[in-house]
């Protein structure tokens, strides 16, 4: 009897923590500012700012409202560029295209200074990243799928989702001229793939791991995701290519967070 009461108490406590994480912690969006020091970063780009967003996982009114707040916070930070590192949707439904378009529409204010890549969830459901491409094109967002784009003196290299089976780093780097002198920033949804990049990029930006999403007080993450286990959150200057992983905005699996608030990461790149 005592064991039964103990197990019931533990179960109730666990449900209470999940409920708190869903109703409170997952909505406590924070704007985090980071100074990222990069070797060989050009003096002319010292102080260049990137607002990094990822993992909206749009699926309903609540997730859309959180994503709208994140985009508003990113715009208020007045960055030089906004980067979206994949997983716009949890999975595609009939209402997803309109929801994605409505959420992203304020980014028109960036006047084309928005770079994005698909994540693995952008291939789930009844649609795929082709739908995302049409939406981004209408909103002047540059969706890179194994391709690069030169903007503001930086070569942006966008690699499609590895977990979805569409990554082609060779193609992404293949259209860069051999005599290119601009620094390159890679955007790839899955952070652990940083080890497969060819040498030479200044920085890689990723999401996917949600920062662990549900953490113990000492930072241990009981949940992990494929190709998001080694690099979970924050800046990793010691990676083969310097890497920053955002905690992201939305949730997957249990719609809950604990000791891991959603974030808009504003990165100031310095020499």
Foldseek 3Di string as FASTA:
>chain_A
DVVVVVVVVVVVVVVVQLVCQQPPQLLPEAAAEAEAEFPPADPVQFFQKEWEFEALQDDDPVSLVLLLVLVVVSVVVVGLAYEYQANLHQADDPCVLVSSLVSCQVCLVSVQRYEYEYELRQCHDPHHCVSVVVSCVVSNHHYADLAWDDDPQEIEFEFYYVVNPRGDVCSSPVPDDPPDDGAYEYRHAQPLCLQVHDPGHGEYEYEPFLLLFAADPVSDRPDGDVSCPPPRAAWDVPHSHTYGYASHRFDPDSRGGDPRHHYTYMYTYRD
